[in-house]
PDB file of N, CA and C in Angstrom:
ATOM      1  N   MET A   1       0.446 -15.792   8.385  1.00  0.00           N
ATOM      2  CA  MET A   1       1.856 -15.876   8.586  1.00  0.00           C
ATOM      3  C   MET A   1       2.388 -15.354   9.890  1.00  0.00           C
ATOM      4  N   THR A   2       3.374 -16.023  10.364  1.00  0.00           N
ATOM      5  CA  THR A   2       3.774 -15.746  11.753  1.00  0.00           C
ATOM      6  C   THR A   2       5.178 -14.881  11.490  1.00  0.00           C
ATOM      7  N   ILE A   3       5.354 -13.792  12.084  1.00  0.00           N
ATOM      8  CA  ILE A   3       6.411 -12.949  11.801  1.00  0.00           C
ATOM      9  C   ILE A   3       7.285 -13.113  13.055  1.00  0.00           C
ATOM     10  N   PRO A   4       8.767 -13.397  12.737  1.00  0.00           N
ATOM     11  CA  PRO A   4       9.809 -13.688  13.843  1.00  0.00           C
ATOM     12  C   PRO A   4       9.934 -12.528  14.604  1.00  0.00           C
ATOM     13  N   SER A   5      10.009 -12.575  15.986  1.00  0.00           N
ATOM     14  CA  SER A   5      10.406 -11.605  16.805  1.00  0.00           C
ATOM     15  C   SER A   5      11.114 -10.378  16.514  1.00  0.00           C
ATOM     16  N   ARG A   6      12.293 -10.843  15.720  1.00  0.00           N
ATOM     17  CA  ARG A   6      13.393 -10.066  15.403  1.00  0.00           C
ATOM     18  C   ARG A   6      12.882  -8.883  14.347  1.00  0.00           C
ATOM     19  N   SER A   7      11.896  -9.507  13.348  1.00  0.00           N
ATOM     20  CA  SER A   7      11.450  -8.750  12.217  1.00  0.00           C
ATOM     21  C   SER A   7      10.153  -7.824  12.950  1.00  0.00           C
ATOM     22  N   MET A   8       9.634  -8.369  13.929  1.00  0.00           N
ATOM     23  CA  MET A   8       8.343  -7.699  14.550  1.00  0.00           C
ATOM     24  C   MET A   8       8.924  -6.604  15.229  1.00  0.00           C
ATOM     25  N   THR A   9      10.114  -6.570  15.815  1.00  0.00           N
ATOM     26  CA  THR A   9      10.748  -5.487  16.533  1.00  0.00           C
ATOM     27  C   THR A   9      11.064  -4.398  15.593  1.00  0.00           C
ATOM     28  N   ILE A  10      11.709  -4.679  14.348  1.00  0.00           N
ATOM     29  CA  ILE A  10      11.934  -3.935  13.391  1.00  0.00           C
ATOM     30  C   ILE A  10      10.688  -3.362  12.765  1.00  0.00           C
ATOM     31  N   ILE A  11       9.558  -4.020  12.599  1.00  0.00           N
ATOM     32  CA  ILE A  11       8.253  -3.571  12.094  1.00  0.00           C
ATOM     33  C   ILE A  11       7.719  -2.559  13.096  1.00  0.00           C
ATOM     34  N   GLU A  12       7.876  -2.716  14.475  1.00  0.00           N
ATOM     35  CA  GLU A  12       7.278  -1.745  15.482  1.00  0.00           C
ATOM     36  C   GLU A  12       8.143  -0.435  15.322  1.00  0.00           C
ATOM     37  N   ASP A  13       9.285  -0.562  15.086  1.00  0.00           N
ATOM     38  CA  ASP A  13      10.093   0.676  14.894  1.00  0.00           C
ATOM     39  C   ASP A  13       9.599   1.566  13.666  1.00  0.00           C
ATOM     40  N   GLU A  14       9.348   0.875  12.473  1.00  0.00           N
ATOM     41  CA  GLU A  14       8.898   1.316  11.426  1.00  0.00           C
ATOM     42  C   GLU A  14       7.584   2.124  11.465  1.00  0.00           C
ATOM     43  N   PHE A  15       6.685   1.392  12.283  1.00  0.00           N
ATOM     44  CA  PHE A  15       5.216   1.956  12.536  1.00  0.00           C
ATOM     45  C   PHE A  15       5.545   3.252  13.362  1.00  0.00           C
ATOM     46  N   ARG A  16       6.464   3.393  14.246  1.00  0.00           N
ATOM     47  CA  ARG A  16       6.865   4.413  15.005  1.00  0.00           C
ATOM     48  C   ARG A  16       7.092   5.448  14.131  1.00  0.00           C
ATOM     49  N   ARG A  17       8.288   5.182  13.291  1.00  0.00           N
ATOM     50  CA  ARG A  17       8.908   6.309  12.411  1.00  0.00           C
ATOM     51  C   ARG A  17       7.618   6.670  11.444  1.00  0.00           C
ATOM     52  N   LEU A  18       6.858   5.861  11.035  1.00  0.00           N
ATOM     53  CA  LEU A  18       5.769   6.287  10.124  1.00  0.00           C
ATOM     54  C   LEU A  18       4.865   7.307  10.543  1.00  0.00           C
ATOM     55  N   LYS A  19       4.406   7.067  12.035  1.00  0.00           N
ATOM     56  CA  LYS A  19       3.684   8.013  12.773  1.00  0.00           C
ATOM     57  C   LYS A  19       4.359   9.450  12.826  1.00  0.00           C
ATOM     58  N   CYS A  20       5.484   9.528  12.793  1.00  0.00           N
ATOM     59  CA  CYS A  20       6.003  10.818  12.883  1.00  0.00           C
ATOM     60  C   CYS A  20       6.376  11.602  11.587  1.00  0.00           C
ATOM     61  N   ILE A  21       5.815  11.110  10.468  1.00  0.00           N
ATOM     62  CA  ILE A  21       5.841  11.817   9.304  1.00  0.00           C
ATOM     63  C   ILE A  21       4.696  12.776   9.344  1.00  0.00           C
ATOM     64  N   ARG A  22       5.018  14.156   8.913  1.00  0.00           N
ATOM     65  CA  ARG A  22       4.164  15.168   9.013  1.00  0.00           C
ATOM     66  C   ARG A  22       2.652  15.039   8.546  1.00  0.00           C
ATOM     67  N   GLU A  23       2.590  14.712   7.207  1.00  0.00           N
ATOM     68  CA  GLU A  23       1.281  14.401   6.624  1.00  0.00           C
ATOM     69  C   GLU A  23       0.318  13.292   7.393  1.00  0.00           C
ATOM     70  N   ILE A  24       1.253  12.358   7.993  1.00  0.00           N
ATOM     71  CA  ILE A  24       0.350  11.270   8.683  1.00  0.00           C
ATOM     72  C   ILE A  24       0.246  11.858  10.188  1.00  0.00           C
ATOM     73  N   GLY A  25       1.145  12.197  10.921  1.00  0.00           N
ATOM     74  CA  GLY A  25       1.227  12.587  12.258  1.00  0.00           C
ATOM     75  C   GLY A  25       0.204  13.694  12.518  1.00  0.00           C
ATOM     76  N   SER A  26      -0.354  14.516  11.603  1.00  0.00           N
ATOM     77  CA  SER A  26      -1.398  15.475  11.771  1.00  0.00           C
ATOM     78  C   SER A  26      -2.620  15.118  11.621  1.00  0.00           C
ATOM     79  N   ASP A  27      -2.746  13.851  11.175  1.00  0.00           N
ATOM     80  CA  ASP A  27      -4.122  13.384  10.925  1.00  0.00           C
ATOM     81  C   ASP A  27      -4.746  12.176  11.804  1.00  0.00           C
ATOM     82  N   GLU A  28      -5.380  12.508  12.611  1.00  0.00           N
ATOM     83  CA  GLU A  28      -6.008  11.468  13.718  1.00  0.00           C
ATOM     84  C   GLU A  28      -6.400  10.327  13.174  1.00  0.00           C
ATOM     85  N   ASP A  29      -7.105  10.405  12.080  1.00  0.00           N
ATOM     86  CA  ASP A  29      -7.935   9.182  11.360  1.00  0.00           C
ATOM     87  C   ASP A  29      -6.678   8.221  11.136  1.00  0.00           C
ATOM     88  N   ILE A  30      -5.780   8.723  10.284  1.00  0.00           N
ATOM     89  CA  ILE A  30      -4.621   8.107   9.961  1.00  0.00           C
ATOM     90  C   ILE A  30      -3.886   7.372  11.036  1.00  0.00           C
ATOM     91  N   LEU A  31      -3.636   8.218  12.001  1.00  0.00           N
ATOM     92  CA  LEU A  31      -2.930   7.677  13.408  1.00  0.00           C
ATOM     93  C   LEU A  31      -3.590   6.531  13.861  1.00  0.00           C
ATOM     94  N   ALA A  32      -5.005   6.682  14.066  1.00  0.00           N
ATOM     95  CA  ALA A  32      -5.902   5.582  14.599  1.00  0.00           C
ATOM     96  C   ALA A  32      -5.840   4.390  13.575  1.00  0.00           C
ATOM     97  N   PHE A  33      -5.935   4.552  12.268  1.00  0.00           N
ATOM     98  CA  PHE A  33      -5.770   3.457  11.284  1.00  0.00           C
ATOM     99  C   PHE A  33      -4.405   2.572  11.449  1.00  0.00           C
ATOM    100  N   LEU A  34      -3.406   3.513  11.626  1.00  0.00           N
ATOM    101  CA  LEU A  34      -2.038   2.769  11.758  1.00  0.00           C
ATOM    102  C   LEU A  34      -1.908   1.913  12.973  1.00  0.00           C
ATOM    103  N   GLN A  35      -2.506   2.634  14.341  1.00  0.00           N
ATOM    104  CA  GLN A  35      -2.546   2.019  15.477  1.00  0.00           C
ATOM    105  C   GLN A  35      -3.287   0.641  15.574  1.00  0.00           C
ATOM    106  N   ASP A  36      -4.556   0.731  14.694  1.00  0.00           N
ATOM    107  CA  ASP A  36      -5.353  -0.581  14.806  1.00  0.00           C
ATOM    108  C   ASP A  36      -4.598  -1.628  13.789  1.00  0.00           C
ATOM    109  N   ALA A  37      -3.914  -1.008  12.699  1.00  0.00           N
ATOM    110  CA  ALA A  37      -3.271  -2.120  11.817  1.00  0.00           C
ATOM    111  C   ALA A  37      -1.976  -2.677  12.770  1.00  0.00           C
ATOM    112  N   GLN A  38      -1.302  -1.862  13.602  1.00  0.00           N
ATOM    113  CA  GLN A  38      -0.277  -2.310  14.264  1.00  0.00           C
ATOM    114  C   GLN A  38      -0.595  -3.464  15.426  1.00  0.00           C
ATOM    115  N   SER A  39      -1.893  -3.070  16.015  1.00  0.00           N
ATOM    116  CA  SER A  39      -2.612  -4.098  16.971  1.00  0.00           C
ATOM    117  C   SER A  39      -2.797  -5.215  16.324  1.00  0.00           C
ATOM    118  N   THR A  40      -3.521  -5.114  15.146  1.00  0.00           N
ATOM    119  CA  THR A  40      -4.040  -6.418  14.436  1.00  0.00           C
ATOM    120  C   THR A  40      -2.945  -7.155  14.053  1.00  0.00           C
ATOM    121  N   LEU A  41      -1.920  -6.706  13.690  1.00  0.00           N
ATOM    122  CA  LEU A  41      -0.549  -7.433  13.058  1.00  0.00           C
ATOM    123  C   LEU A  41       0.061  -8.088  14.169  1.00  0.00           C
ATOM    124  N   LYS A  42       0.082  -7.514  15.531  1.00  0.00           N
ATOM    125  CA  LYS A  42       0.487  -8.374  16.693  1.00  0.00           C
ATOM    126  C   LYS A  42      -0.329  -9.535  16.992  1.00  0.00           C
ATOM    127  N   TYR A  43      -1.638  -9.459  16.931  1.00  0.00           N
ATOM    128  CA  TYR A  43      -2.433 -10.465  17.483  1.00  0.00           C
ATOM    129  C   TYR A  43      -3.294 -11.264  16.733  1.00  0.00           C
ATOM    130  N   LYS A  44      -3.320 -10.842  15.401  1.00  0.00           N
ATOM    131  CA  LYS A  44      -4.272 -11.631  14.214  1.00  0.00           C
ATOM    132  C   LYS A  44      -3.182 -11.933  13.005  1.00  0.00           C
ATOM    133  N   GLY A  45      -2.014 -11.294  12.938  1.00  0.00           N
ATOM    134  CA  GLY A  45      -1.311 -11.732  11.763  1.00  0.00           C
ATOM    135  C   GLY A  45      -1.290 -10.567  10.785  1.00  0.00           C
ATOM    136  N   LEU A  46      -0.670 -10.907   9.668  1.00  0.00           N
ATOM    137  CA  LEU A  46      -0.552  -9.958   8.686  1.00  0.00           C
ATOM    138  C   LEU A  46      -1.911  -9.979   7.820  1.00  0.00           C
ATOM    139  N   HIS A  47      -2.159  -8.608   7.354  1.00  0.00           N
ATOM    140  CA  HIS A  47      -3.078  -8.346   6.402  1.00  0.00           C
ATOM    141  C   HIS A  47      -2.965  -7.030   5.723  1.00  0.00           C
ATOM    142  N   ASN A  48      -3.600  -6.465   4.837  1.00  0.00           N
ATOM    143  CA  ASN A  48      -3.415  -5.135   4.270  1.00  0.00           C
ATOM    144  C   ASN A  48      -4.753  -4.349   4.152  1.00  0.00           C
ATOM    145  N   PRO A  49      -5.196  -3.926   5.479  1.00  0.00           N
ATOM    146  CA  PRO A  49      -6.378  -3.121   5.497  1.00  0.00           C
ATOM    147  C   PRO A  49      -6.254  -1.634   4.790  1.00  0.00           C
ATOM    148  N   ARG A  50      -7.329  -1.240   4.384  1.00  0.00           N
ATOM    149  CA  ARG A  50      -7.462   0.051   3.883  1.00  0.00           C
ATOM    150  C   ARG A  50      -7.734   1.206   4.921  1.00  0.00           C
ATOM    151  N   GLY A  51      -7.200   2.186   4.821  1.00  0.00           N
ATOM    152  CA  GLY A  51      -7.219   3.574   5.754  1.00  0.00           C
ATOM    153  C   GLY A  51      -8.185   4.410   5.001  1.00  0.00           C
ATOM    154  N   PRO A  52      -8.160   5.609   6.038  1.00  0.00           N
ATOM    155  CA  PRO A  52      -9.266   6.631   5.712  1.00  0.00           C
ATOM    156  C   PRO A  52      -9.003   7.196   4.588  1.00  0.00           C
ATOM    157  N   LEU A  53      -8.013   7.216   3.999  1.00  0.00           N
ATOM    158  CA  LEU A  53      -7.802   8.222   2.635  1.00  0.00           C
ATOM    159  C   LEU A  53      -7.828   7.114   1.472  1.00  0.00           C
ATOM    160  N   LYS A  54      -8.535   5.948   1.769  1.00  0.00           N
ATOM    161  CA  LYS A  54      -8.525   4.774   0.742  1.00  0.00           C
ATOM    162  C   LYS A  54      -7.278   4.439   0.178  1.00  0.00           C
ATOM    163  N   ARG A  55      -6.257   4.416   1.025  1.00  0.00           N
ATOM    164  CA  ARG A  55      -4.889   3.908   0.907  1.00  0.00           C
ATOM    165  C   ARG A  55      -4.571   2.684   1.846  1.00  0.00           C
ATOM    166  N   SER A  56      -4.069   1.528   1.351  1.00  0.00           N
ATOM    167  CA  SER A  56      -3.964   0.649   2.156  1.00  0.00           C
ATOM    168  C   SER A  56      -2.714   0.528   2.878  1.00  0.00           C
ATOM    169  N   LEU A  57      -2.504  -0.308   3.812  1.00  0.00           N
ATOM    170  CA  LEU A  57      -1.327  -0.400   4.653  1.00  0.00           C
ATOM    171  C   LEU A  57       0.071  -0.126   3.932  1.00  0.00           C
ATOM    172  N   ILE A  58       0.142  -0.920   2.859  1.00  0.00           N
ATOM    173  CA  ILE A  58       1.242  -1.158   1.887  1.00  0.00           C
ATOM    174  C   ILE A  58       1.768   0.245   1.323  1.00  0.00           C
ATOM    175  N   HIS A  59       0.601   1.248   1.153  1.00  0.00           N
ATOM    176  CA  HIS A  59       0.936   2.387   0.613  1.00  0.00           C
ATOM    177  C   HIS A  59       1.622   3.395   1.696  1.00  0.00           C
ATOM    178  N   TYR A  60       0.814   3.172   2.780  1.00  0.00           N
ATOM    179  CA  TYR A  60       1.642   4.066   3.967  1.00  0.00           C
ATOM    180  C   TYR A  60       2.850   3.601   4.277  1.00  0.00           C
ATOM    181  N   ALA A  61       3.182   2.107   4.203  1.00  0.00           N
ATOM    182  CA  ALA A  61       4.564   1.563   4.415  1.00  0.00           C
ATOM    183  C   ALA A  61       5.521   2.212   3.524  1.00  0.00           C
ATOM    184  N   ALA A  62       5.030   2.178   2.180  1.00  0.00           N
ATOM    185  CA  ALA A  62       5.998   2.883   1.303  1.00  0.00           C
ATOM    186  C   ALA A  62       6.379   4.356   1.596  1.00  0.00           C
ATOM    187  N   MET A  63       5.448   5.018   1.877  1.00  0.00           N
ATOM    188  CA  MET A  63       5.572   6.390   2.290  1.00  0.00           C
ATOM    189  C   MET A  63       6.593   6.687   3.428  1.00  0.00           C
ATOM    190  N   GLY A  64       6.478   5.684   4.393  1.00  0.00           N
ATOM    191  CA  GLY A  64       7.540   5.745   5.637  1.00  0.00           C
ATOM    192  C   GLY A  64       8.764   4.964   5.360  1.00  0.00           C
ATOM    193  N   ASP A  65       9.057   4.515   4.150  1.00  0.00           N
ATOM    194  CA  ASP A  65      10.422   3.727   4.005  1.00  0.00           C
ATOM    195  C   ASP A  65      10.402   2.387   5.160  1.00  0.00           C
ATOM    196  N   CYS A  66       9.203   1.754   5.247  1.00  0.00           N
ATOM    197  CA  CYS A  66       9.237   0.622   5.932  1.00  0.00           C
ATOM    198  C   CYS A  66       9.523  -0.611   5.413  1.00  0.00           C
ATOM    199  N   THR A  67      10.712  -0.942   5.079  1.00  0.00           N
ATOM    200  CA  THR A  67      11.301  -2.034   4.341  1.00  0.00           C
ATOM    201  C   THR A  67      10.670  -3.405   4.722  1.00  0.00           C
ATOM    202  N   GLU A  68      11.050  -3.478   6.156  1.00  0.00           N
ATOM    203  CA  GLU A  68      10.521  -4.916   6.727  1.00  0.00           C
ATOM    204  C   GLU A  68       9.118  -5.106   6.435  1.00  0.00           C
ATOM    205  N   LEU A  69       8.128  -4.368   6.861  1.00  0.00           N
ATOM    206  CA  LEU A  69       6.736  -4.288   6.688  1.00  0.00           C
ATOM    207  C   LEU A  69       6.315  -4.568   5.363  1.00  0.00           C
ATOM    208  N   LEU A  70       7.023  -3.632   4.399  1.00  0.00           N
ATOM    209  CA  LEU A  70       6.630  -3.871   2.940  1.00  0.00           C
ATOM    210  C   LEU A  70       6.975  -5.440   2.439  1.00  0.00           C
ATOM    211  N   LEU A  71       8.188  -5.874   2.849  1.00  0.00           N
ATOM    212  CA  LEU A  71       8.671  -7.184   2.568  1.00  0.00           C
ATOM    213  C   LEU A  71       7.711  -8.207   2.832  1.00  0.00           C
ATOM    214  N   TYR A  72       7.027  -8.140   4.105  1.00  0.00           N
ATOM    215  CA  TYR A  72       6.185  -9.075   4.594  1.00  0.00           C
ATOM    216  C   TYR A  72       4.767  -8.910   4.074  1.00  0.00           C
ATOM    217  N   LEU A  73       4.405  -7.750   3.640  1.00  0.00           N
ATOM    218  CA  LEU A  73       3.079  -7.602   3.068  1.00  0.00           C
ATOM    219  C   LEU A  73       3.166  -8.181   1.543  1.00  0.00           C
ATOM    220  N   LEU A  74       4.317  -7.892   0.840  1.00  0.00           N
ATOM    221  CA  LEU A  74       4.475  -8.554  -0.602  1.00  0.00           C
ATOM    222  C   LEU A  74       4.592 -10.232  -0.393  1.00  0.00           C
ATOM    223  N   GLN A  75       5.251 -10.529   0.672  1.00  0.00           N
ATOM    224  CA  GLN A  75       5.460 -11.710   0.807  1.00  0.00           C
ATOM    225  C   GLN A  75       4.228 -12.770   1.071  1.00  0.00           C
ATOM    226  N   ASP A  76       3.360 -12.041   1.719  1.00  0.00           N
ATOM    227  CA  ASP A  76       2.199 -12.815   2.112  1.00  0.00           C
ATOM    228  C   ASP A  76       1.329 -12.667   0.992  1.00  0.00           C
ATOM    229  N   GLY A  77       1.294 -11.981  -0.143  1.00  0.00           N
ATOM    230  CA  GLY A  77       0.625 -11.798  -1.258  1.00  0.00           C
ATOM    231  C   GLY A  77      -0.584 -10.975  -1.128  1.00  0.00           C
ATOM    232  N   THR A  78      -0.799 -10.585   0.009  1.00  0.00           N
ATOM    233  CA  THR A  78      -2.310  -9.902   0.040  1.00  0.00           C
ATOM    234  C   THR A  78      -2.241  -8.401  -0.377  1.00  0.00           C
ATOM    235  N   ALA A  79      -1.153  -7.933  -0.688  1.00  0.00           N
ATOM    236  CA  ALA A  79      -0.973  -6.614  -1.026  1.00  0.00           C
ATOM    237  C   ALA A  79      -0.514  -6.583  -2.534  1.00  0.00           C
ATOM    238  N   LYS A  80      -0.267  -7.514  -3.109  1.00  0.00           N
ATOM    239  CA  LYS A  80       0.492  -7.587  -4.333  1.00  0.00           C
ATOM    240  C   LYS A  80      -0.181  -6.900  -5.374  1.00  0.00           C
ATOM    241  N   ASP A  81      -1.500  -6.864  -5.555  1.00  0.00           N
ATOM    242  CA  ASP A  81      -2.360  -6.253  -6.762  1.00  0.00           C
ATOM    243  C   ASP A  81      -3.039  -5.175  -5.994  1.00  0.00           C
ATOM    244  N   ASP A  82      -2.818  -4.629  -4.905  1.00  0.00           N
ATOM    245  CA  ASP A  82      -3.562  -3.614  -4.291  1.00  0.00           C
ATOM    246  C   ASP A  82      -3.555  -2.319  -5.173  1.00  0.00           C
ATOM    247  N   ILE A  83      -4.722  -1.614  -5.351  1.00  0.00           N
ATOM    248  CA  ILE A  83      -4.630  -0.461  -5.979  1.00  0.00           C
ATOM    249  C   ILE A  83      -5.037   0.739  -5.133  1.00  0.00           C
ATOM    250  N   ASP A  84      -4.254   1.818  -5.144  1.00  0.00           N
ATOM    251  CA  ASP A  84      -4.389   2.993  -4.502  1.00  0.00           C
ATOM    252  C   ASP A  84      -5.903   3.797  -4.973  1.00  0.00           C
ATOM    253  N   GLN A  85      -6.889   3.923  -4.071  1.00  0.00           N
ATOM    254  CA  GLN A  85      -8.003   4.300  -4.602  1.00  0.00           C
ATOM    255  C   GLN A  85      -8.089   5.716  -4.968  1.00  0.00           C
ATOM    256  N   ASN A  86      -7.191   6.644  -4.545  1.00  0.00           N
ATOM    257  CA  ASN A  86      -7.201   7.894  -4.798  1.00  0.00           C
ATOM    258  C   ASN A  86      -6.561   8.435  -6.199  1.00  0.00           C
ATOM    259  N   LYS A  87      -5.414   7.633  -6.545  1.00  0.00           N
ATOM    260  CA  LYS A  87      -4.792   7.772  -7.787  1.00  0.00           C
ATOM    261  C   LYS A  87      -4.514   6.254  -8.474  1.00  0.00           C
ATOM    262  N   PRO A  88      -5.266   5.867  -9.215  1.00  0.00           N
ATOM    263  CA  PRO A  88      -5.314   4.530  -9.536  1.00  0.00           C
ATOM    264  C   PRO A  88      -3.903   4.105 -10.020  1.00  0.00           C
ATOM    265  N   SER A  89      -3.154   3.259  -8.960  1.00  0.00           N
ATOM    266  CA  SER A  89      -1.875   2.918  -9.448  1.00  0.00           C
ATOM    267  C   SER A  89      -1.662   1.427  -8.632  1.00  0.00           C
ATOM    268  N   VAL A  90      -1.157   0.534  -9.299  1.00  0.00           N
ATOM    269  CA  VAL A  90      -0.748  -0.791  -8.596  1.00  0.00           C
ATOM    270  C   VAL A  90       0.291  -0.514  -7.641  1.00  0.00           C
ATOM    271  N   VAL A  91       0.300  -1.261  -6.628  1.00  0.00           N
ATOM    272  CA  VAL A  91       1.303  -1.082  -5.529  1.00  0.00           C
ATOM    273  C   VAL A  91       2.841  -1.049  -5.881  1.00  0.00           C
ATOM    274  N   LEU A  92       3.203  -2.207  -6.890  1.00  0.00           N
ATOM    275  CA  LEU A  92       4.665  -2.314  -7.202  1.00  0.00           C
ATOM    276  C   LEU A  92       5.189  -1.050  -7.802  1.00  0.00           C
ATOM    277  N   PRO A  93       4.487  -0.400  -8.780  1.00  0.00           N
ATOM    278  CA  PRO A  93       5.118   0.839  -9.529  1.00  0.00           C
ATOM    279  C   PRO A  93       5.076   2.110  -8.382  1.00  0.00           C
ATOM    280  N   PHE A  94       4.208   2.025  -7.622  1.00  0.00           N
ATOM    281  CA  PHE A  94       4.171   2.937  -6.431  1.00  0.00           C
ATOM    282  C   PHE A  94       5.251   2.822  -5.483  1.00  0.00           C
ATOM    283  N   LEU A  95       5.622   1.468  -5.043  1.00  0.00           N
ATOM    284  CA  LEU A  95       6.773   1.510  -4.248  1.00  0.00           C
ATOM    285  C   LEU A  95       7.949   1.718  -4.780  1.00  0.00           C
ATOM    286  N   LEU A  96       8.206   1.256  -6.093  1.00  0.00           N
ATOM    287  CA  LEU A  96       9.287   1.437  -6.887  1.00  0.00           C
ATOM    288  C   LEU A  96       9.728   2.871  -6.976  1.00  0.00           C
ATOM    289  N   SER A  97       8.574   3.715  -7.201  1.00  0.00           N
ATOM    290  CA  SER A  97       8.707   5.111  -7.401  1.00  0.00           C
ATOM    291  C   SER A  97       9.280   5.968  -6.131  1.00  0.00           C
ATOM    292  N   ARG A  98       9.062   5.153  -4.803  1.00  0.00           N
ATOM    293  CA  ARG A  98       9.234   5.836  -3.759  1.00  0.00           C
ATOM    294  C   ARG A  98      10.360   5.114  -2.971  1.00  0.00           C
ATOM    295  N   ALA A  99      10.914   3.942  -3.345  1.00  0.00           N
ATOM    296  CA  ALA A  99      11.803   3.243  -2.773  1.00  0.00           C
ATOM    297  C   ALA A  99      13.242   3.385  -2.728  1.00  0.00           C
ATOM    298  N   THR A 100      14.024   3.323  -1.882  1.00  0.00           N
ATOM    299  CA  THR A 100      15.566   3.451  -2.085  1.00  0.00           C
ATOM    300  C   THR A 100      15.948   2.288  -2.827  1.00  0.00           C
ATOM    301  N   LEU A 101      17.296   2.367  -3.452  1.00  0.00           N
ATOM    302  CA  LEU A 101      17.985   1.355  -4.199  1.00  0.00           C
ATOM    303  C   LEU A 101      17.973   0.113  -3.550  1.00  0.00           C
ATOM    304  N   HIS A 102      18.245  -0.050  -2.073  1.00  0.00           N
ATOM    305  CA  HIS A 102      18.154  -1.157  -1.384  1.00  0.00           C
ATOM    306  C   HIS A 102      16.815  -1.834  -1.442  1.00  0.00           C
ATOM    307  N   GLN A 103      15.667  -1.081  -1.202  1.00  0.00           N
ATOM    308  CA  GLN A 103      14.417  -1.561  -1.185  1.00  0.00           C
ATOM    309  C   GLN A 103      13.820  -2.094  -2.616  1.00  0.00           C
ATOM    310  N   LYS A 104      14.329  -1.143  -3.660  1.00  0.00           N
ATOM    311  CA  LYS A 104      14.038  -1.584  -5.051  1.00  0.00           C
ATOM    312  C   LYS A 104      14.524  -3.071  -5.388  1.00  0.00           C
ATOM    313  N   SER A 105      16.038  -3.316  -4.905  1.00  0.00           N
ATOM    314  CA  SER A 105      16.344  -4.653  -5.180  1.00  0.00           C
ATOM    315  C   SER A 105      15.807  -5.754  -4.503  1.00  0.00           C
ATOM    316  N   ALA A 106      15.317  -5.342  -3.291  1.00  0.00           N
ATOM    317  CA  ALA A 106      14.696  -6.391  -2.141  1.00  0.00           C
ATOM    318  C   ALA A 106      13.124  -6.668  -2.999  1.00  0.00           C
ATOM    319  N   PHE A 107      12.524  -5.584  -3.406  1.00  0.00           N
ATOM    320  CA  PHE A 107      11.282  -5.881  -4.029  1.00  0.00           C
ATOM    321  C   PHE A 107      11.233  -6.760  -5.190  1.00  0.00           C
ATOM    322  N   LEU A 108      12.316  -6.299  -6.028  1.00  0.00           N
ATOM    323  CA  LEU A 108      12.466  -6.969  -7.320  1.00  0.00           C
ATOM    324  C   LEU A 108      12.724  -8.299  -7.178  1.00  0.00           C
ATOM    325  N   GLY A 109      13.709  -8.744  -6.197  1.00  0.00           N
ATOM    326  CA  GLY A 109      14.150 -10.102  -5.987  1.00  0.00           C
ATOM    327  C   GLY A 109      12.982 -10.946  -5.375  1.00  0.00           C
ATOM    328  N   HIS A 110      12.073 -10.224  -4.773  1.00  0.00           N
ATOM    329  CA  HIS A 110      11.000 -11.005  -4.102  1.00  0.00           C
ATOM    330  C   HIS A 110      10.105 -11.251  -5.286  1.00  0.00           C
ATOM    331  N   GLU A 111       9.914 -10.279  -6.362  1.00  0.00           N
ATOM    332  CA  GLU A 111       8.944 -10.573  -7.383  1.00  0.00           C
ATOM    333  C   GLU A 111       9.448 -11.726  -8.280  1.00  0.00           C
ATOM    334  N   GLU A 112      10.719 -11.849  -8.496  1.00  0.00           N
ATOM    335  CA  GLU A 112      11.461 -12.725  -9.324  1.00  0.00           C
ATOM    336  C   GLU A 112      11.122 -14.259  -8.542  1.00  0.00           C
ATOM    337  N   ALA A 113      11.156 -14.225  -7.391  1.00  0.00           N
ATOM    338  CA  ALA A 113      11.061 -15.434  -6.640  1.00  0.00           C
ATOM    339  C   ALA A 113       9.510 -16.046  -6.709  1.00  0.00           C
ATOM    340  N   VAL A 114       8.604 -15.041  -6.802  1.00  0.00           N
ATOM    341  CA  VAL A 114       7.027 -15.560  -6.705  1.00  0.00           C
ATOM    342  C   VAL A 114       6.777 -16.192  -7.851  1.00  0.00           C
TER     343      VAL A 114
END
């Protein structure tokens, strides 16, 4: 899936914001994972890799309030049924528990369209 340049700019800002979260920014392994995921996104396209704490990119995106990245990961379908390996939970309930009202309507709107 090709991501339009406007969305890519938003996603790059979301990655920057994500790296500033205390629990993420203080862990070199997670930072390296996010850097690799961001580079891969630019050159190889969208996918949902699993990071050092057995959480996939969509879980970190939910932690960082990364709406644009989340929407593309859900739209692509690669992250739809992903499970957090630390606390067995499916992505959608995890996202909805952490999401803003705007994000919840976007996620639910996307799920209805699928």
